[in-house]
Amino acid sequence: MPLRRNLLAGLAGCLLAAVAAAGEPCRVAFDMGSSGIRAGQSGRPEVLRADIDYLTPLSAGRGLADTLPATVAALRDLPAQGGFDPGCTRLGGGFSAWRMAAQEDRRKLAGDLEAIRNSSGVAVLVIPQRQEGAYGYLGARRLLGNRLTTSHILDIGGGSLQIAGESHSFGAQFGQKLWHRELCKALRHSTELPCALQPLTPAELDSARQLLRSRLQDIARDLPGGARMTAISRPVTRGIAPAVAHLFNRPAGLDSLSPTLLRATLEVNAGLGLDEMANRLGSERKHAAYLISDLLLVEGLMQATGNHDLRIAELDLTNLPGLLADDRGYGWVAQHDCYLRRLRAMGVGAYFSDPATCTPSR
């Protein structure tokens, strides 16, 4: 009899799980960042990717027009490649590059988003920086679980960075590539990416630090209680951490960094030419090109937040879990024309308005 009860209980549990799964909305989401698109479906682990360089045409003043054919193709093809359910509601979230495009000409961007929807069937929203921070923290907490011992994660992308927490976040439009480009303009009067930034003199290092301090002055406002941080992205895990480990003969898999170690690594390498530094570190030239600007950026972030210990945990973090769980975002799918009108009038903040207040379409 106990065995029978256990079997029945197990069967009931399976049936309840099946009913719960059947009651979940079927959703497909597209994480549209500065270097491409990642696609996923609710309830499925697969992540499909398409590489698209959005930053280069934006930085050249051409907007996103050059990228629209590749974008539409990816939005059509990725779900088919993943075998996603064609009946799922589809939502695209545009992040750093799309926010840049909105800043340049939000009316033009609204027209581009309308064209993308008409050609691909995907409603794309421009996601505000604050909302992206919430997505990032949610995704990191799910992946790390109890291993996330800090109040915030530090996620450095190509076009933007996030210090994301459960209730407070800081975001800025200067991730790895944009911060490097800013230094190139300020110190080398170059728009090349990456530029020949090294070697740097002590005076140039001071100028770079002053420039960064001016860009990080809003951290105290956005993170009033400070932020203990875990760095999760490759500029730290694949660039800075191995360079520090090499210099100080530490194990390759460092799990934390101190301001002292960062500053020493920066001071030793900044005065070297790029090829000499790459040879010493045993790294590829294309990756070493960003090391000095990455070191400066992380050093400045630790100073601005008062961190004396930066934790490290590499994650393949995407915005897909946050997008798939975003009821507001999916509420805009049925009201996308209304969203586009508000984007033209309000800019990126249109996302935070309420889809339920839109006039029903006739």
Protein backbone atom coordinates (compact mmCIF):
# COMPACT_ATOMS: atom_id res chain seq x y z
CA MET A 1 0.00 0.00 0.00
CA PRO A 2 2.78 2.57 0.81
CA LEU A 3 4.37 1.80 -2.56
CA ARG A 4 1.05 2.37 -4.32
CA ARG A 5 0.55 5.66 -2.45
CA ASN A 6 4.06 6.77 -3.46
CA LEU A 7 3.39 5.89 -7.10
CA LEU A 8 0.10 7.75 -7.06
CA ALA A 9 1.73 10.76 -5.39
CA GLY A 10 4.46 10.76 -8.00
CA LEU A 11 1.94 10.51 -10.81
CA ALA A 12 -0.07 13.36 -9.32
CA GLY A 13 3.08 15.46 -9.08
CA CYS A 14 3.88 14.83 -12.74
CA LEU A 15 0.32 15.74 -13.76
CA LEU A 16 0.44 18.96 -11.73
CA ALA A 17 3.78 19.88 -13.30
CA ALA A 18 2.38 19.23 -16.76
CA VAL A 19 -0.69 21.35 -16.04
CA ALA A 20 1.49 24.19 -14.68
CA ALA A 21 3.74 24.03 -17.73
CA ALA A 22 0.72 24.04 -20.01
CA GLY A 23 -0.58 27.15 -18.25
CA GLU A 24 2.60 29.13 -18.83
CA PRO A 25 2.53 31.56 -21.76
CA CYS A 26 4.50 30.44 -24.79
CA ARG A 27 7.07 33.18 -25.44
CA VAL A 28 10.07 33.75 -27.66
CA ALA A 29 12.49 36.57 -26.83
CA PHE A 30 15.37 38.21 -28.70
CA ASP A 31 18.21 39.83 -26.74
CA MET A 32 19.49 42.48 -29.17
CA GLY A 33 22.81 43.87 -27.92
CA SER A 34 25.64 45.85 -29.44
CA SER A 35 27.24 42.89 -31.22
CA GLY A 36 24.34 40.66 -32.17
CA ILE A 37 21.11 38.88 -31.31
CA ARG A 38 20.43 35.94 -28.99
CA ALA A 39 17.11 34.10 -29.10
CA GLY A 40 15.38 31.78 -26.65
CA GLN A 41 11.96 30.28 -25.93
CA SER A 42 10.26 29.94 -22.56
CA GLY A 43 10.77 26.51 -21.02
CA ARG A 44 13.65 25.61 -23.32
CA PRO A 45 17.41 25.83 -22.63
CA GLU A 46 18.60 26.49 -26.21
CA VAL A 47 20.09 29.91 -27.00
CA LEU A 48 20.57 30.75 -30.69
CA ARG A 49 22.97 33.49 -31.75
CA ALA A 50 23.59 35.77 -34.73
CA ASP A 51 26.58 38.14 -34.83
CA ILE A 52 25.71 41.65 -36.03
CA ASP A 53 27.95 44.69 -35.46
CA TYR A 54 25.61 47.52 -34.47
CA LEU A 55 28.22 49.82 -32.91
CA THR A 56 30.35 50.51 -35.98
CA PRO A 57 27.63 52.08 -38.17
CA LEU A 58 26.21 53.96 -35.19
CA SER A 59 29.60 55.39 -34.27
CA ALA A 60 30.12 56.40 -37.91
CA GLY A 61 26.86 58.39 -37.84
CA ARG A 62 24.99 56.04 -40.19
CA GLY A 63 22.40 54.90 -37.68
CA LEU A 64 21.09 51.34 -37.88
CA ALA A 65 19.95 51.34 -41.52
CA ASP A 66 22.91 49.20 -42.65
CA THR A 67 22.02 46.50 -40.13
CA LEU A 68 18.30 46.17 -40.79
CA PRO A 69 18.48 43.37 -43.43
CA ALA A 70 20.68 41.23 -41.17
CA THR A 71 18.44 41.99 -38.20
CA VAL A 72 15.27 40.93 -40.00
CA ALA A 73 16.98 37.78 -41.28
CA ALA A 74 18.11 36.83 -37.76
CA LEU A 75 14.66 37.44 -36.26
CA ARG A 76 13.19 35.14 -38.90
CA ASP A 77 15.88 32.47 -38.99
CA LEU A 78 16.92 31.93 -35.36
CA PRO A 79 13.55 30.52 -34.17
CA ALA A 80 13.49 28.16 -37.14
CA GLN A 81 17.05 27.00 -36.39
CA GLY A 82 16.06 26.33 -32.79
CA GLY A 83 12.81 24.59 -33.68
CA PHE A 84 10.86 27.13 -31.62
CA ASP A 85 7.07 26.96 -31.53
CA PRO A 86 5.79 29.26 -34.33
CA GLY A 87 2.71 30.06 -32.23
CA CYS A 88 4.70 31.71 -29.40
CA THR A 89 4.41 35.46 -28.82
CA ARG A 90 7.64 37.11 -29.98
CA LEU A 91 9.35 40.10 -28.35
CA GLY A 92 12.64 41.80 -29.13
CA GLY A 93 14.53 43.80 -26.52
CA GLY A 94 16.94 46.40 -27.92
CA PHE A 95 19.71 47.39 -25.53
CA SER A 96 22.79 49.65 -25.71
CA ALA A 97 23.02 50.19 -29.48
CA TRP A 98 19.28 50.73 -29.74
CA ARG A 99 19.36 53.24 -26.89
CA MET A 100 22.12 55.09 -28.74
CA ALA A 101 19.98 55.13 -31.88
CA ALA A 102 17.06 56.53 -29.87
CA GLN A 103 19.26 59.30 -28.51
CA GLU A 104 20.37 60.23 -32.02
CA ASP A 105 16.93 60.20 -33.69
CA ARG A 106 14.06 58.48 -31.92
CA ARG A 107 11.59 59.23 -34.72
CA LYS A 108 13.86 57.55 -37.26
CA LEU A 109 14.33 54.61 -34.91
CA ALA A 110 10.57 54.22 -34.46
CA GLY A 111 10.24 53.97 -38.24
CA ASP A 112 13.00 51.34 -38.32
CA LEU A 113 11.27 49.31 -35.60
CA GLU A 114 8.00 49.45 -37.50
CA ALA A 115 9.76 48.18 -40.63
CA ILE A 116 11.41 45.37 -38.63
CA ARG A 117 8.06 44.29 -37.21
CA ASN A 118 6.35 44.37 -40.60
CA SER A 119 9.11 42.28 -42.17
CA SER A 120 9.79 39.81 -39.35
CA GLY A 121 6.66 39.74 -37.20
CA VAL A 122 8.69 40.69 -34.11
CA ALA A 123 7.78 43.71 -31.97
CA VAL A 124 11.01 45.31 -30.75
CA LEU A 125 11.15 47.61 -27.71
CA VAL A 126 14.05 49.81 -26.64
CA ILE A 127 14.80 48.66 -23.09
CA PRO A 128 15.86 51.40 -20.62
CA GLN A 129 19.16 51.00 -18.81
CA ARG A 130 17.46 50.58 -15.40
CA GLN A 131 15.34 47.70 -16.69
CA GLU A 132 18.37 46.03 -18.24
CA GLY A 133 20.01 46.13 -14.81
CA ALA A 134 17.04 44.29 -13.32
CA TYR A 135 17.28 41.64 -16.06
CA GLY A 136 21.00 41.19 -15.39
CA TYR A 137 20.67 40.69 -11.66
CA LEU A 138 17.78 38.24 -12.14
CA GLY A 139 19.79 36.19 -14.63
CA ALA A 140 22.93 36.13 -12.47
CA ARG A 141 21.01 35.11 -9.36
CA ARG A 142 19.40 32.22 -11.25
CA LEU A 143 22.74 31.00 -12.61
CA LEU A 144 24.89 31.50 -9.50
CA GLY A 145 22.42 30.73 -6.73
CA ASN A 146 24.20 30.71 -3.36
CA ARG A 147 27.51 31.50 -5.07
CA LEU A 148 26.31 35.08 -5.58
CA THR A 149 27.51 36.59 -2.30
CA THR A 150 27.51 40.26 -3.30
CA SER A 151 24.72 42.79 -3.54
CA HIS A 152 25.40 43.61 -7.22
CA ILE A 153 26.87 42.18 -10.40
CA LEU A 154 29.25 44.07 -12.69
CA ASP A 155 28.50 43.33 -16.34
CA ILE A 156 30.71 45.11 -18.89
CA GLY A 157 29.38 44.80 -22.42
CA GLY A 158 30.67 46.31 -25.63
CA GLY A 159 28.34 49.31 -25.61
CA SER A 160 27.22 49.63 -22.00
CA LEU A 161 27.99 48.54 -18.47
CA GLN A 162 25.71 47.61 -15.61
CA ILE A 163 26.20 47.52 -11.88
CA ALA A 164 22.97 45.66 -11.27
CA GLY A 165 21.29 44.91 -7.96
CA GLU A 166 17.90 43.73 -6.79
CA SER A 167 16.67 47.25 -5.96
CA HIS A 168 19.33 49.72 -7.15
CA SER A 169 21.39 49.71 -10.33
CA PHE A 170 23.80 51.96 -12.20
CA GLY A 171 24.15 51.86 -15.97
CA ALA A 172 26.18 53.86 -18.44
CA GLN A 173 26.66 53.98 -22.19
CA PHE A 174 30.36 53.22 -22.13
CA GLY A 175 31.11 49.55 -22.10
CA GLN A 176 34.42 48.09 -23.19
CA LYS A 177 34.45 49.34 -26.77
CA LEU A 178 32.84 52.74 -26.21
CA TRP A 179 35.11 53.55 -23.25
CA HIS A 180 38.14 52.50 -25.32
CA ARG A 181 36.93 54.71 -28.17
CA GLU A 182 36.51 57.63 -25.78
CA LEU A 183 40.09 57.24 -24.58
CA CYS A 184 41.28 57.04 -28.20
CA LYS A 185 39.57 60.34 -28.98
CA ALA A 186 40.83 62.06 -25.83
CA LEU A 187 44.42 60.82 -25.88
CA ARG A 188 45.13 59.91 -29.51
CA HIS A 189 42.58 62.02 -31.42
CA SER A 190 41.55 58.82 -33.19
CA THR A 191 38.19 57.19 -33.88
CA GLU A 192 39.77 53.87 -34.85
CA LEU A 193 38.61 50.85 -32.83
CA PRO A 194 40.77 49.66 -31.25
CA CYS A 195 43.35 52.43 -31.55
CA ALA A 196 47.04 52.32 -30.69
CA LEU A 197 46.48 53.52 -27.14
CA GLN A 198 49.81 52.38 -25.74
CA PRO A 199 52.31 53.27 -24.50
CA LEU A 200 50.75 55.72 -22.02
CA THR A 201 52.74 58.26 -20.03
CA PRO A 202 51.98 58.86 -16.32
CA ALA A 203 50.37 62.17 -17.30
CA GLU A 204 48.12 60.42 -19.83
CA LEU A 205 47.11 57.87 -17.21
CA ASP A 206 46.12 60.72 -14.89
CA SER A 207 44.08 62.32 -17.68
CA ALA A 208 42.32 59.01 -18.35
CA ARG A 209 41.44 58.62 -14.67
CA GLN A 210 40.09 62.16 -14.48
CA LEU A 211 37.94 61.54 -17.56
CA LEU A 212 36.55 58.37 -16.03
CA ARG A 213 35.77 60.05 -12.71
CA SER A 214 33.66 62.60 -14.54
CA ARG A 215 31.72 59.80 -16.23
CA LEU A 216 31.11 57.91 -12.98
CA GLN A 217 29.93 60.83 -10.86
CA ASP A 218 26.32 59.56 -10.80
CA ILE A 219 27.20 56.27 -9.12
CA ALA A 220 26.73 57.68 -5.60
CA ARG A 221 23.25 58.88 -6.58
CA ASP A 222 22.17 55.61 -8.19
CA LEU A 223 23.80 53.34 -5.61
CA PRO A 224 23.29 55.25 -2.35
CA GLY A 225 24.46 52.40 -0.17
CA GLY A 226 27.43 51.45 -2.31
CA ALA A 227 27.68 48.08 -4.01
CA ARG A 228 29.67 44.97 -3.33
CA MET A 229 30.26 43.55 -6.79
CA THR A 230 30.78 40.27 -8.62
CA ALA A 231 32.27 40.76 -12.10
CA ILE A 232 30.73 38.29 -14.54
CA SER A 233 31.87 39.33 -18.03
CA ARG A 234 34.85 38.52 -20.20
CA PRO A 235 36.73 41.85 -20.05
CA VAL A 236 37.39 40.88 -16.42
CA THR A 237 37.37 37.09 -16.48
CA ARG A 238 39.31 36.60 -19.73
CA GLY A 239 41.31 39.85 -19.83
CA ILE A 240 42.08 41.45 -16.47
CA ALA A 241 42.14 38.39 -14.21
CA PRO A 242 44.64 36.40 -16.35
CA ALA A 243 46.88 39.50 -16.65
CA VAL A 244 46.91 39.94 -12.86
CA ALA A 245 47.52 36.24 -12.30
CA HIS A 246 50.42 36.26 -14.78
CA LEU A 247 52.09 39.30 -13.19
CA PHE A 248 51.82 38.05 -9.60
CA ASN A 249 52.23 34.31 -10.29
CA ARG A 250 48.75 33.59 -8.96
CA PRO A 251 46.53 30.66 -9.95
CA ALA A 252 44.90 31.16 -13.34
CA GLY A 253 41.36 31.01 -11.94
CA LEU A 254 41.40 34.03 -9.65
CA ASP A 255 38.16 34.48 -7.72
CA SER A 256 38.76 38.06 -6.56
CA LEU A 257 40.73 41.23 -7.31
CA SER A 258 41.89 44.05 -5.08
CA PRO A 259 42.51 47.71 -6.04
CA THR A 260 46.20 47.20 -5.23
CA LEU A 261 46.54 44.32 -7.69
CA LEU A 262 44.66 46.25 -10.38
CA ARG A 263 46.75 49.38 -10.01
CA ALA A 264 50.03 47.47 -10.03
CA THR A 265 49.04 45.57 -13.19
CA LEU A 266 48.03 48.82 -14.85
CA GLU A 267 51.22 50.66 -13.90
CA VAL A 268 53.48 47.82 -15.10
CA ASN A 269 51.80 47.42 -18.49
CA ALA A 270 50.61 50.91 -19.47
CA GLY A 271 54.07 52.10 -20.47
CA LEU A 272 54.71 49.12 -22.75
CA GLY A 273 53.92 48.93 -26.42
CA LEU A 274 50.97 46.72 -27.30
CA ASP A 275 53.03 43.95 -28.94
CA GLU A 276 55.51 43.84 -26.06
CA MET A 277 52.71 43.59 -23.52
CA ALA A 278 50.88 40.90 -25.51
CA ASN A 279 54.09 38.84 -25.76
CA ARG A 280 54.72 39.12 -22.02
CA LEU A 281 51.19 38.08 -21.16
CA GLY A 282 50.95 35.42 -23.83
CA SER A 283 47.68 36.87 -25.10
CA GLU A 284 46.40 37.58 -28.58
CA ARG A 285 46.97 41.12 -29.81
CA LYS A 286 43.27 41.72 -30.53
CA HIS A 287 42.38 40.89 -26.90
CA ALA A 288 45.36 42.70 -25.38
CA ALA A 289 44.37 45.90 -27.23
CA TYR A 290 41.60 46.54 -24.69
CA LEU A 291 43.44 45.50 -21.53
CA ILE A 292 44.67 48.93 -20.42
CA SER A 293 41.33 50.64 -20.97
CA ASP A 294 39.59 47.72 -19.20
CA LEU A 295 41.97 48.01 -16.22
CA LEU A 296 41.31 51.74 -15.98
CA LEU A 297 37.56 51.18 -16.17
CA VAL A 298 37.43 48.52 -13.45
CA GLU A 299 39.85 50.47 -11.24
CA GLY A 300 37.60 53.52 -11.52
CA LEU A 301 34.46 51.51 -10.81
CA MET A 302 35.97 50.01 -7.67
CA GLN A 303 37.04 53.44 -6.43
CA ALA A 304 33.65 54.99 -7.18
CA THR A 305 31.80 52.23 -5.29
CA GLY A 306 34.29 51.90 -2.44
CA ASN A 307 35.03 48.25 -3.21
CA HIS A 308 38.13 46.63 -1.73
CA ASP A 309 37.38 43.20 -3.12
CA LEU A 310 35.90 42.50 -6.55
CA ARG A 311 34.56 38.97 -6.80
CA ILE A 312 34.85 37.11 -10.13
CA ALA A 313 32.49 34.52 -11.63
CA GLU A 314 32.29 34.15 -15.39
CA LEU A 315 28.75 33.68 -16.69
CA ASP A 316 27.26 33.34 -20.13
CA LEU A 317 24.67 35.89 -19.06
CA THR A 318 21.96 37.04 -21.41
CA ASN A 319 18.91 39.23 -20.99
CA LEU A 320 16.68 36.37 -22.17
CA PRO A 321 15.42 35.21 -18.72
CA GLY A 322 14.43 38.77 -17.85
CA LEU A 323 12.78 39.38 -21.21
CA LEU A 324 10.85 36.11 -21.13
CA ALA A 325 9.50 36.97 -17.66
CA ASP A 326 8.64 40.58 -18.55
CA ASP A 327 4.84 40.84 -18.57
CA ARG A 328 5.00 44.58 -19.31
CA GLY A 329 7.20 43.94 -22.32
CA TYR A 330 4.85 41.31 -23.73
CA GLY A 331 1.94 43.63 -23.01
CA TRP A 332 3.44 45.99 -25.57
CA VAL A 333 3.42 43.36 -28.32
CA ALA A 334 -0.33 43.80 -28.91
CA GLN A 335 0.04 47.58 -28.59
CA HIS A 336 3.19 48.05 -30.62
CA ASP A 337 1.84 50.89 -32.76
CA CYS A 338 0.97 52.72 -29.54
CA TYR A 339 4.46 52.01 -28.19
CA LEU A 340 6.05 53.44 -31.33
CA ARG A 341 3.96 56.62 -31.01
CA ARG A 342 5.13 56.98 -27.42
CA LEU A 343 8.73 56.24 -28.39
CA ARG A 344 8.57 59.13 -30.86
CA ALA A 345 7.12 61.43 -28.17
CA MET A 346 8.82 60.21 -24.99
CA GLY A 347 11.98 58.44 -26.05
CA VAL A 348 13.28 55.33 -24.29
CA GLY A 349 11.05 55.99 -21.26
CA ALA A 350 8.05 54.91 -23.35
CA TYR A 351 8.72 51.37 -22.13
CA PHE A 352 7.71 52.33 -18.56
CA SER A 353 4.32 53.70 -19.60
CA ASP A 354 1.30 51.40 -19.36
CA PRO A 355 0.13 49.50 -22.46
CA ALA A 356 -3.35 49.31 -20.92
CA THR A 357 -3.73 53.08 -21.34
CA CYS A 358 -3.41 52.89 -25.12
CA THR A 359 -6.44 53.62 -27.25
CA PRO A 360 -7.66 50.32 -28.76
CA SER A 361 -6.78 49.93 -32.41
CA ARG A 362 -9.73 50.07 -34.82
